Structure formats: structure tokens, C-alpha cells
Amino acid sequence: MPRIRTIRPEVCSSVTVAKLSISAQLIWERMWCFCDDAGRMDYHPNVLKGEVVPHLSRITPGIVHSCVLEMRNAGLIQIYKVGTRDYIQVTNWKEHQKINKPQISRIPPPPGNIKSNSGNATGIPGTLPECSGNIQGTERGKRKEEIGTKRLSLYETLSGKPDDASVENPFLELVKSVIDALNAATGSSFKASSAKTRSLINARRCEGFELADFEAVIRHKAAEWRDDPKMRGFLRPETLFGTKFEGYLNAARASTPKPESASIGRFKHDLGEVAL
């Protein structure tokens, strides 16, 4: 049953939280409402998607799972298995949520200790002590693809969860479809197995972009650059699927002519008959 939870202002200025993708931040904050009074919840990507982002169709169960792994990589949660069931524990839960008359959790606690439960100077549930030194906003941008690579690594090698292939396969199919479309449009031979290419596609996927978006960018830029000797070399994953992806997609959409409505088509037909 959903519960009312609180979010402290420190969350907004936390560097740890800021490193998450926007989708992961949204899911992380909303999932608190579905945790029990011990900060635990059952975990399945389809169920979690239906609970926290039921009306956001662009955030699929696969993206939810990728975001959950992103949270785990940041130390915000722990994913664990008891028997055949998977669970999530939000770390440092009691330091943030002050619950009056908490109910006893029906979910078993995670085995062992959660490393990030101690030594947290922020008082924010699930956050680790911030990195040493001053991390400026520009540096966050530089580390964007690094975060995507870490997320991809976890996405591919979540140990102790043999059924991960059911979540992983749609991502690998997406990579193959994207690279096939790129090779067909440009006459190239890029490999879907490239770790760098996968990390770029995964970073855009976690931002909510889908196969149709990748295909639109590929078609648009291929038509624009393919016959230009100076620009042809930029028809590559590093350029097309990098941080300028959304700008390329908006340009592709703007250049696509909108189909005429039935009423406009009928009006033109009537004018033609009158002219005759």
C-alpha cells in the first residue's frame, strides 16, 4: 500500500543524486512511497514501472531496471534475493524517514550489512559521502558517458540474478537494430558488440529515447552528411548518439513534412474540380 513519505531539501543539492539520470532520480524518489516502514519493497521491473511511472510510456520496464542498477551503483539502494524473490532496500532509510509507530516489515532484511548505512554525513537515505574535492557542473557533464558505461556494465553482469537475460535481451536487440540501421544508411560496418557504442546507446535509452528516435536521427544525418566529404566521417556512433542526440532528433522532426489532414486534402480536391 502506498505511503506518504518526505524528501529533505538536501536531496536537491546532493552530488550523489545529481549524478543519476533524470529518470533514475524520478524513480528513486517515487519508490519511497511504495517501500514499507523499513525501507524495503518487492522488486520486479514491470511492477515497479506500474507503481511509480504508470503513465510515462517512454520509461519501459527495461529502462526501470537500468535505472535501478544505476541507483545500486551509486549506493542508493541494495538489490538482494531471498529464495526466489527479489527485493530492494533503500539505504540509510531510518536516518531520513521519521516514522511514527512503524509497522514490522514482512520482507526479510538483506543478508549482511549495507555498506552505506554507516558513515553517511549527508543524512539523505541511500547517499554515500560525496566525492572528495569540488565537483563542478562541467565535470558532471564530462562524466556523463562514464556513468553510462558503468550502468551498462551492471546491466550486463548483475551477478546472482540468472533471469537477467529477460531484461537484458531487449537492450541488446535495440543495439543491433540501431547499428544495422546505421550501417544500412551509411554503408559502414560498425559492430554492435563495441562497448563504447553500447554505452552511448544505453545512455540515450536511459533518457527515454526509443528505436524510432535513433532511426530518425540516422536517416536525417545520413541524408545531410553522406555526400559531403568533410562531414561523411562524422556518421558514426560517437557523433550521432552522443550528448547532441536530442538536438539532432529535434532537427530531424522539424525537417519531416507533416501529412495533410483529410479535410485539407478534400478542400484541395474540391478546388481542383471547380477549376475544371
C-alpha atoms as a PDB file:
ATOM      1  CA  MET A   1       0.000   0.000   0.000  1.00  0.00           C
ATOM      2  CA  PRO A   2       1.432   3.427  -0.933  1.00  0.00           C
ATOM      3  CA  ARG A   3       2.501   5.629   1.946  1.00  0.00           C
ATOM      4  CA  ILE A   4       3.202   9.320   2.454  1.00  0.00           C
ATOM      5  CA  ARG A   5       6.948   9.981   2.625  1.00  0.00           C
ATOM      6  CA  THR A   6       9.090  13.083   2.996  1.00  0.00           C
ATOM      7  CA  ILE A   7      12.001  14.412   0.940  1.00  0.00           C
ATOM      8  CA  ARG A   8      14.555  16.611   2.639  1.00  0.00           C
ATOM      9  CA  PRO A   9      15.900  19.719   0.863  1.00  0.00           C
ATOM     10  CA  GLU A  10      19.434  18.264   0.968  1.00  0.00           C
ATOM     11  CA  VAL A  11      18.404  15.849  -1.770  1.00  0.00           C
ATOM     12  CA  CYS A  12      18.295  18.734  -4.237  1.00  0.00           C
ATOM     13  CA  SER A  13      21.940  19.683  -3.637  1.00  0.00           C
ATOM     14  CA  SER A  14      23.381  16.177  -3.291  1.00  0.00           C
ATOM     15  CA  VAL A  15      26.141  15.456  -5.823  1.00  0.00           C
ATOM     16  CA  THR A  16      25.451  11.735  -5.494  1.00  0.00           C
ATOM     17  CA  VAL A  17      21.837  12.212  -6.523  1.00  0.00           C
ATOM     18  CA  ALA A  18      22.789  14.698  -9.255  1.00  0.00           C
ATOM     19  CA  LYS A  19      24.904  12.038 -10.965  1.00  0.00           C
ATOM     20  CA  LEU A  20      21.805   9.915 -11.597  1.00  0.00           C
ATOM     21  CA  SER A  21      19.933  10.239 -14.857  1.00  0.00           C
ATOM     22  CA  ILE A  22      16.688  12.216 -14.641  1.00  0.00           C
ATOM     23  CA  SER A  23      14.681   9.005 -15.000  1.00  0.00           C
ATOM     24  CA  ALA A  24      16.600   7.350 -12.159  1.00  0.00           C
ATOM     25  CA  GLN A  25      16.123  10.368  -9.891  1.00  0.00           C
ATOM     26  CA  LEU A  26      12.393  10.350 -10.575  1.00  0.00           C
ATOM     27  CA  ILE A  27      12.031   6.626  -9.905  1.00  0.00           C
ATOM     28  CA  TRP A  28      14.255   6.741  -6.800  1.00  0.00           C
ATOM     29  CA  GLU A  29      12.183   9.452  -5.146  1.00  0.00           C
ATOM     30  CA  ARG A  30       8.810   7.975  -6.079  1.00  0.00           C
ATOM     31  CA  MET A  31       9.660   4.447  -4.998  1.00  0.00           C
ATOM     32  CA  TRP A  32       9.893   5.596  -1.367  1.00  0.00           C
ATOM     33  CA  CYS A  33       6.087   5.808  -1.314  1.00  0.00           C
ATOM     34  CA  PHE A  34       5.934   2.089  -2.084  1.00  0.00           C
ATOM     35  CA  CYS A  35       8.562   0.974   0.437  1.00  0.00           C
ATOM     36  CA  ASP A  36       7.412  -0.396   3.781  1.00  0.00           C
ATOM     37  CA  ASP A  37       8.348   1.261   7.070  1.00  0.00           C
ATOM     38  CA  ALA A  38      11.770  -0.401   6.966  1.00  0.00           C
ATOM     39  CA  GLY A  39      12.570   0.961   3.504  1.00  0.00           C
ATOM     40  CA  ARG A  40      12.079  -2.373   1.741  1.00  0.00           C
ATOM     41  CA  MET A  41       9.989  -3.452  -1.211  1.00  0.00           C
ATOM     42  CA  ASP A  42       9.472  -6.378  -3.560  1.00  0.00           C
ATOM     43  CA  TYR A  43      11.274  -5.851  -6.841  1.00  0.00           C
ATOM     44  CA  HIS A  44      10.245  -6.628 -10.370  1.00  0.00           C
ATOM     45  CA  PRO A  45      10.771  -4.085 -13.179  1.00  0.00           C
ATOM     46  CA  ASN A  46       7.238  -4.438 -14.559  1.00  0.00           C
ATOM     47  CA  VAL A  47       5.623  -3.983 -11.150  1.00  0.00           C
ATOM     48  CA  LEU A  48       7.837  -1.033 -10.187  1.00  0.00           C
ATOM     49  CA  LYS A  49       7.103   0.677 -13.509  1.00  0.00           C
ATOM     50  CA  GLY A  50       3.372   0.280 -12.905  1.00  0.00           C
ATOM     51  CA  GLU A  51       3.690   1.745  -9.423  1.00  0.00           C
ATOM     52  CA  VAL A  52       5.956   4.757  -9.878  1.00  0.00           C
ATOM     53  CA  VAL A  53       5.629   5.777 -13.562  1.00  0.00           C
ATOM     54  CA  PRO A  54       2.387   4.193 -14.813  1.00  0.00           C
ATOM     55  CA  HIS A  55       1.619   6.939 -17.362  1.00  0.00           C
ATOM     56  CA  LEU A  56       5.130   7.549 -18.719  1.00  0.00           C
ATOM     57  CA  SER A  57       5.148   5.193 -21.695  1.00  0.00           C
ATOM     58  CA  ARG A  58       8.687   6.136 -22.696  1.00  0.00           C
ATOM     59  CA  ILE A  59      10.026   4.683 -19.434  1.00  0.00           C
ATOM     60  CA  THR A  60       9.754   0.960 -20.124  1.00  0.00           C
ATOM     61  CA  PRO A  61      10.373  -1.877 -17.632  1.00  0.00           C
ATOM     62  CA  GLY A  62      13.804  -2.295 -19.199  1.00  0.00           C
ATOM     63  CA  ILE A  63      14.638   1.352 -18.528  1.00  0.00           C
ATOM     64  CA  VAL A  64      13.301   0.996 -14.983  1.00  0.00           C
ATOM     65  CA  HIS A  65      15.659  -1.928 -14.413  1.00  0.00           C
ATOM     66  CA  SER A  66      18.597   0.015 -15.831  1.00  0.00           C
ATOM     67  CA  CYS A  67      17.773   2.936 -13.530  1.00  0.00           C
ATOM     68  CA  VAL A  68      17.559   0.596 -10.534  1.00  0.00           C
ATOM     69  CA  LEU A  69      21.045  -0.718 -11.329  1.00  0.00           C
ATOM     70  CA  GLU A  70      22.196   2.887 -11.623  1.00  0.00           C
ATOM     71  CA  MET A  71      20.888   3.566  -8.099  1.00  0.00           C
ATOM     72  CA  ARG A  72      22.640   0.455  -6.805  1.00  0.00           C
ATOM     73  CA  ASN A  73      25.900   1.535  -8.425  1.00  0.00           C
ATOM     74  CA  ALA A  74      25.608   4.883  -6.625  1.00  0.00           C
ATOM     75  CA  GLY A  75      24.978   3.173  -3.289  1.00  0.00           C
ATOM     76  CA  LEU A  76      21.426   4.467  -3.009  1.00  0.00           C
ATOM     77  CA  ILE A  77      19.812   1.040  -2.723  1.00  0.00           C
ATOM     78  CA  GLN A  78      20.663  -2.604  -2.311  1.00  0.00           C
ATOM     79  CA  ILE A  79      19.162  -5.303  -4.523  1.00  0.00           C
ATOM     80  CA  TYR A  80      19.073  -8.737  -2.931  1.00  0.00           C
ATOM     81  CA  LYS A  81      17.433 -12.120  -3.333  1.00  0.00           C
ATOM     82  CA  VAL A  82      15.847 -14.305  -0.663  1.00  0.00           C
ATOM     83  CA  GLY A  83      14.732 -17.647  -2.014  1.00  0.00           C
ATOM     84  CA  THR A  84      13.296 -16.973  -5.447  1.00  0.00           C
ATOM     85  CA  ARG A  85      12.149 -13.393  -4.807  1.00  0.00           C
ATOM     86  CA  ASP A  86      13.995 -10.150  -5.387  1.00  0.00           C
ATOM     87  CA  TYR A  87      13.848  -7.188  -3.020  1.00  0.00           C
ATOM     88  CA  ILE A  88      15.121  -3.622  -2.714  1.00  0.00           C
ATOM     89  CA  GLN A  89      16.383  -1.956   0.464  1.00  0.00           C
ATOM     90  CA  VAL A  90      16.775   1.837   0.435  1.00  0.00           C
ATOM     91  CA  THR A  91      19.971   2.551   2.335  1.00  0.00           C
ATOM     92  CA  ASN A  92      20.099   4.845   5.374  1.00  0.00           C
ATOM     93  CA  TRP A  93      16.327   4.786   5.470  1.00  0.00           C
ATOM     94  CA  LYS A  94      15.949   5.416   9.199  1.00  0.00           C
ATOM     95  CA  GLU A  95      18.265   8.427   9.114  1.00  0.00           C
ATOM     96  CA  HIS A  96      15.830  10.261   6.879  1.00  0.00           C
ATOM     97  CA  GLN A  97      12.322   8.876   7.353  1.00  0.00           C
ATOM     98  CA  LYS A  98      10.992   9.513  10.850  1.00  0.00           C
ATOM     99  CA  ILE A  99       8.016   7.177  11.028  1.00  0.00           C
ATOM    100  CA  ASN A 100       5.586   7.282  13.931  1.00  0.00           C
ATOM    101  CA  LYS A 101       4.638   3.777  15.077  1.00  0.00           C
ATOM    102  CA  PRO A 102       6.352   1.891  12.212  1.00  0.00           C
ATOM    103  CA  GLN A 103       4.896  -1.453  11.230  1.00  0.00           C
ATOM    104  CA  ILE A 104       7.059  -4.552  11.292  1.00  0.00           C
ATOM    105  CA  SER A 105       8.324  -5.379   7.807  1.00  0.00           C
ATOM    106  CA  ARG A 106       7.027  -8.553   6.233  1.00  0.00           C
ATOM    107  CA  ILE A 107      10.046  -8.517   3.890  1.00  0.00           C
ATOM    108  CA  PRO A 108      13.201 -10.242   5.127  1.00  0.00           C
ATOM    109  CA  PRO A 109      16.198  -7.939   5.617  1.00  0.00           C
ATOM    110  CA  PRO A 110      19.123  -8.103   3.189  1.00  0.00           C
ATOM    111  CA  PRO A 111      21.847 -10.569   4.141  1.00  0.00           C
ATOM    112  CA  GLY A 112      24.834  -8.923   5.819  1.00  0.00           C
ATOM    113  CA  ASN A 113      25.229  -5.182   6.348  1.00  0.00           C
ATOM    114  CA  ILE A 114      24.552  -2.453   3.847  1.00  0.00           C
ATOM    115  CA  LYS A 115      27.888  -0.709   3.483  1.00  0.00           C
ATOM    116  CA  SER A 116      26.392   2.729   3.013  1.00  0.00           C
ATOM    117  CA  ASN A 117      24.369   2.538   6.233  1.00  0.00           C
ATOM    118  CA  SER A 118      27.257   3.938   8.235  1.00  0.00           C
ATOM    119  CA  GLY A 119      29.471   6.940   7.826  1.00  0.00           C
ATOM    120  CA  ASN A 120      26.928   8.949   5.870  1.00  0.00           C
ATOM    121  CA  ALA A 121      27.466  12.631   6.520  1.00  0.00           C
ATOM    122  CA  THR A 122      24.576  13.829   4.418  1.00  0.00           C
ATOM    123  CA  GLY A 123      21.645  12.301   6.293  1.00  0.00           C
ATOM    124  CA  ILE A 124      19.992  11.514   2.948  1.00  0.00           C
ATOM    125  CA  PRO A 125      18.710   7.966   2.535  1.00  0.00           C
ATOM    126  CA  GLY A 126      20.888   5.945   0.230  1.00  0.00           C
ATOM    127  CA  THR A 127      23.581   8.545  -0.356  1.00  0.00           C
ATOM    128  CA  LEU A 128      27.258   7.961   0.096  1.00  0.00           C
ATOM    129  CA  PRO A 129      29.704  10.591   1.350  1.00  0.00           C
ATOM    130  CA  GLU A 130      30.264  12.990  -1.531  1.00  0.00           C
ATOM    131  CA  CYS A 131      33.417  12.656  -3.582  1.00  0.00           C
ATOM    132  CA  SER A 132      36.432  14.476  -2.236  1.00  0.00           C
ATOM    133  CA  GLY A 133      37.181  17.820  -3.829  1.00  0.00           C
ATOM    134  CA  ASN A 134      34.843  20.201  -5.585  1.00  0.00           C
ATOM    135  CA  ILE A 135      32.884  18.661  -8.409  1.00  0.00           C
ATOM    136  CA  GLN A 136      31.644  21.399 -10.709  1.00  0.00           C
ATOM    137  CA  GLY A 137      28.708  21.105 -13.044  1.00  0.00           C
ATOM    138  CA  THR A 138      31.001  20.969 -16.068  1.00  0.00           C
ATOM    139  CA  GLU A 139      32.752  17.934 -14.664  1.00  0.00           C
ATOM    140  CA  ARG A 140      29.407  16.205 -14.263  1.00  0.00           C
ATOM    141  CA  GLY A 141      28.895  16.684 -17.978  1.00  0.00           C
ATOM    142  CA  LYS A 142      32.304  15.201 -18.746  1.00  0.00           C
ATOM    143  CA  ARG A 143      31.478  12.134 -16.660  1.00  0.00           C
ATOM    144  CA  LYS A 144      28.108  11.567 -18.326  1.00  0.00           C
ATOM    145  CA  GLU A 145      29.260   8.805 -20.652  1.00  0.00           C
ATOM    146  CA  GLU A 146      31.391   7.279 -17.862  1.00  0.00           C
ATOM    147  CA  ILE A 147      28.224   6.873 -15.810  1.00  0.00           C
ATOM    148  CA  GLY A 148      26.506   5.325 -18.838  1.00  0.00           C
ATOM    149  CA  THR A 149      29.383   2.853 -19.198  1.00  0.00           C
ATOM    150  CA  LYS A 150      29.159   1.841 -15.526  1.00  0.00           C
ATOM    151  CA  ARG A 151      25.419   1.433 -15.869  1.00  0.00           C
ATOM    152  CA  LEU A 152      25.899  -0.746 -18.942  1.00  0.00           C
ATOM    153  CA  SER A 153      28.458  -2.908 -17.141  1.00  0.00           C
ATOM    154  CA  LEU A 154      25.996  -3.568 -14.332  1.00  0.00           C
ATOM    155  CA  TYR A 155      23.218  -4.091 -16.848  1.00  0.00           C
ATOM    156  CA  GLU A 156      25.184  -6.898 -18.491  1.00  0.00           C
ATOM    157  CA  THR A 157      26.724  -8.532 -15.398  1.00  0.00           C
ATOM    158  CA  LEU A 158      24.301  -8.494 -12.474  1.00  0.00           C
ATOM    159  CA  SER A 159      25.632 -11.469 -10.555  1.00  0.00           C
ATOM    160  CA  GLY A 160      23.327 -13.796  -8.727  1.00  0.00           C
ATOM    161  CA  LYS A 161      20.326 -12.949 -10.880  1.00  0.00           C
ATOM    162  CA  PRO A 162      20.182 -15.655 -13.589  1.00  0.00           C
ATOM    163  CA  ASP A 163      16.935 -14.348 -15.082  1.00  0.00           C
ATOM    164  CA  ASP A 164      18.546 -11.016 -16.022  1.00  0.00           C
ATOM    165  CA  ALA A 165      18.670 -12.171 -19.620  1.00  0.00           C
ATOM    166  CA  SER A 166      14.931 -11.455 -19.912  1.00  0.00           C
ATOM    167  CA  VAL A 167      15.646  -7.791 -19.216  1.00  0.00           C
ATOM    168  CA  GLU A 168      18.980  -7.605 -21.000  1.00  0.00           C
ATOM    169  CA  ASN A 169      17.850  -9.041 -24.353  1.00  0.00           C
ATOM    170  CA  PRO A 170      15.623  -6.103 -25.359  1.00  0.00           C
ATOM    171  CA  PHE A 171      18.599  -3.781 -24.875  1.00  0.00           C
ATOM    172  CA  LEU A 172      20.905  -5.947 -26.987  1.00  0.00           C
ATOM    173  CA  GLU A 173      18.212  -6.167 -29.650  1.00  0.00           C
ATOM    174  CA  LEU A 174      17.954  -2.377 -29.602  1.00  0.00           C
ATOM    175  CA  VAL A 175      21.718  -2.023 -30.083  1.00  0.00           C
ATOM    176  CA  LYS A 176      21.683  -4.454 -33.012  1.00  0.00           C
ATOM    177  CA  SER A 177      18.730  -2.712 -34.663  1.00  0.00           C
ATOM    178  CA  VAL A 178      20.345   0.717 -34.267  1.00  0.00           C
ATOM    179  CA  ILE A 179      23.708  -0.392 -35.666  1.00  0.00           C
ATOM    180  CA  ASP A 180      22.049  -2.278 -38.538  1.00  0.00           C
ATOM    181  CA  ALA A 181      20.143   0.894 -39.440  1.00  0.00           C
ATOM    182  CA  LEU A 182      23.329   2.971 -39.262  1.00  0.00           C
ATOM    183  CA  ASN A 183      25.308   0.552 -41.418  1.00  0.00           C
ATOM    184  CA  ALA A 184      22.499   0.332 -43.986  1.00  0.00           C
ATOM    185  CA  ALA A 185      22.172   4.116 -44.242  1.00  0.00           C
ATOM    186  CA  THR A 186      25.899   4.860 -44.406  1.00  0.00           C
ATOM    187  CA  GLY A 187      27.420   1.762 -45.989  1.00  0.00           C
ATOM    188  CA  SER A 188      29.574   1.274 -42.902  1.00  0.00           C
ATOM    189  CA  SER A 189      30.364  -1.805 -40.856  1.00  0.00           C
ATOM    190  CA  PHE A 190      30.107  -0.731 -37.228  1.00  0.00           C
ATOM    191  CA  LYS A 191      29.928  -3.515 -34.642  1.00  0.00           C
ATOM    192  CA  ALA A 192      27.034  -3.907 -32.210  1.00  0.00           C
ATOM    193  CA  SER A 193      29.461  -5.566 -29.800  1.00  0.00           C
ATOM    194  CA  SER A 194      31.504  -2.374 -29.259  1.00  0.00           C
ATOM    195  CA  ALA A 195      31.457  -1.414 -25.568  1.00  0.00           C
ATOM    196  CA  LYS A 196      31.674   2.305 -26.396  1.00  0.00           C
ATOM    197  CA  THR A 197      28.788   2.084 -28.852  1.00  0.00           C
ATOM    198  CA  ARG A 198      26.668   0.174 -26.339  1.00  0.00           C
ATOM    199  CA  SER A 199      27.383   2.716 -23.617  1.00  0.00           C
ATOM    200  CA  LEU A 200      26.299   5.591 -25.887  1.00  0.00           C
ATOM    201  CA  ILE A 201      23.074   3.861 -26.900  1.00  0.00           C
ATOM    202  CA  ASN A 202      22.393   2.858 -23.304  1.00  0.00           C
ATOM    203  CA  ALA A 203      22.879   6.435 -22.097  1.00  0.00           C
ATOM    204  CA  ARG A 204      20.316   7.711 -24.609  1.00  0.00           C
ATOM    205  CA  ARG A 205      17.976   4.801 -23.839  1.00  0.00           C
ATOM    206  CA  CYS A 206      18.028   5.652 -20.149  1.00  0.00           C
ATOM    207  CA  GLU A 207      16.965   9.172 -21.096  1.00  0.00           C
ATOM    208  CA  GLY A 208      13.812   7.694 -22.630  1.00  0.00           C
ATOM    209  CA  PHE A 209      14.706   7.554 -26.332  1.00  0.00           C
ATOM    210  CA  GLU A 210      13.487   4.617 -28.412  1.00  0.00           C
ATOM    211  CA  LEU A 211      14.454   2.805 -31.623  1.00  0.00           C
ATOM    212  CA  ALA A 212      12.329   5.128 -33.771  1.00  0.00           C
ATOM    213  CA  ASP A 213      14.266   8.105 -32.391  1.00  0.00           C
ATOM    214  CA  PHE A 214      17.619   6.547 -33.292  1.00  0.00           C
ATOM    215  CA  GLU A 215      16.361   5.712 -36.782  1.00  0.00           C
ATOM    216  CA  ALA A 216      15.102   9.271 -37.305  1.00  0.00           C
ATOM    217  CA  VAL A 217      18.498  10.733 -36.375  1.00  0.00           C
ATOM    218  CA  ILE A 218      20.315   8.260 -38.615  1.00  0.00           C
ATOM    219  CA  ARG A 219      18.094   8.995 -41.628  1.00  0.00           C
ATOM    220  CA  HIS A 220      18.312  12.749 -41.169  1.00  0.00           C
ATOM    221  CA  LYS A 221      22.069  12.999 -40.671  1.00  0.00           C
ATOM    222  CA  ALA A 222      22.827  10.422 -43.360  1.00  0.00           C
ATOM    223  CA  ALA A 223      20.837  12.443 -45.902  1.00  0.00           C
ATOM    224  CA  GLU A 224      22.578  15.621 -44.762  1.00  0.00           C
ATOM    225  CA  TRP A 225      26.184  14.390 -44.487  1.00  0.00           C
ATOM    226  CA  ARG A 226      26.538  11.294 -46.690  1.00  0.00           C
ATOM    227  CA  ASP A 227      27.539  13.189 -49.847  1.00  0.00           C
ATOM    228  CA  ASP A 228      29.669  15.780 -48.051  1.00  0.00           C
ATOM    229  CA  PRO A 229      33.336  14.677 -47.980  1.00  0.00           C
ATOM    230  CA  LYS A 230      34.024  16.832 -44.900  1.00  0.00           C
ATOM    231  CA  MET A 231      31.080  15.567 -42.875  1.00  0.00           C
ATOM    232  CA  ARG A 232      30.826  11.948 -44.037  1.00  0.00           C
ATOM    233  CA  GLY A 233      33.318  10.831 -41.402  1.00  0.00           C
ATOM    234  CA  PHE A 234      31.013  12.054 -38.633  1.00  0.00           C
ATOM    235  CA  LEU A 235      28.383   9.450 -39.498  1.00  0.00           C
ATOM    236  CA  ARG A 236      29.499   7.318 -36.576  1.00  0.00           C
ATOM    237  CA  PRO A 237      28.068   6.309 -33.178  1.00  0.00           C
ATOM    238  CA  GLU A 238      30.326   8.706 -31.233  1.00  0.00           C
ATOM    239  CA  THR A 239      28.854  11.686 -33.060  1.00  0.00           C
ATOM    240  CA  LEU A 240      25.263  10.643 -33.690  1.00  0.00           C
ATOM    241  CA  PHE A 241      24.488   9.072 -30.304  1.00  0.00           C
ATOM    242  CA  GLY A 242      26.454  11.434 -28.066  1.00  0.00           C
ATOM    243  CA  THR A 243      25.247  14.366 -25.992  1.00  0.00           C
ATOM    244  CA  LYS A 244      23.917  16.211 -29.081  1.00  0.00           C
ATOM    245  CA  PHE A 245      21.477  13.397 -29.852  1.00  0.00           C
ATOM    246  CA  GLU A 246      18.354  15.265 -28.745  1.00  0.00           C
ATOM    247  CA  GLY A 247      19.297  18.267 -30.877  1.00  0.00           C
ATOM    248  CA  TYR A 248      19.756  16.024 -33.908  1.00  0.00           C
ATOM    249  CA  LEU A 249      16.387  14.401 -33.213  1.00  0.00           C
ATOM    250  CA  ASN A 250      14.594  17.749 -32.974  1.00  0.00           C
ATOM    251  CA  ALA A 251      16.163  18.809 -36.275  1.00  0.00           C
ATOM    252  CA  ALA A 252      15.033  15.539 -37.868  1.00  0.00           C
ATOM    253  CA  ARG A 253      11.477  16.047 -36.658  1.00  0.00           C
ATOM    254  CA  ALA A 254      11.427  19.655 -37.851  1.00  0.00           C
ATOM    255  CA  SER A 255      12.518  18.614 -41.343  1.00  0.00           C
ATOM    256  CA  THR A 256       9.835  15.947 -41.679  1.00  0.00           C
ATOM    257  CA  PRO A 257       6.817  17.315 -43.600  1.00  0.00           C
ATOM    258  CA  LYS A 258       3.557  16.932 -41.738  1.00  0.00           C
ATOM    259  CA  PRO A 259       0.889  14.903 -43.545  1.00  0.00           C
ATOM    260  CA  GLU A 260      -2.143  16.795 -44.766  1.00  0.00           C
ATOM    261  CA  SER A 261      -5.330  16.286 -42.846  1.00  0.00           C
ATOM    262  CA  ALA A 262      -8.283  14.692 -44.624  1.00  0.00           C
ATOM    263  CA  SER A 263     -10.224  17.971 -44.599  1.00  0.00           C
ATOM    264  CA  ILE A 264      -7.384  19.909 -46.278  1.00  0.00           C
ATOM    265  CA  GLY A 265      -6.978  17.185 -48.878  1.00  0.00           C
ATOM    266  CA  ARG A 266     -10.710  17.252 -49.632  1.00  0.00           C
ATOM    267  CA  PHE A 267     -10.652  21.043 -49.860  1.00  0.00           C
ATOM    268  CA  LYS A 268      -7.857  20.941 -52.447  1.00  0.00           C
ATOM    269  CA  HIS A 269      -9.736  18.267 -54.377  1.00  0.00           C
ATOM    270  CA  ASP A 270     -12.882  20.413 -54.450  1.00  0.00           C
ATOM    271  CA  LEU A 271     -10.883  23.421 -55.687  1.00  0.00           C
ATOM    272  CA  GLY A 272      -9.474  21.301 -58.478  1.00  0.00           C
ATOM    273  CA  GLU A 273     -12.942  20.262 -59.549  1.00  0.00           C
ATOM    274  CA  VAL A 274     -14.130  23.888 -59.539  1.00  0.00           C
ATOM    275  CA  ALA A 275     -11.159  24.942 -61.679  1.00  0.00           C
ATOM    276  CA  LEU A 276     -12.024  22.286 -64.212  1.00  0.00           C
END
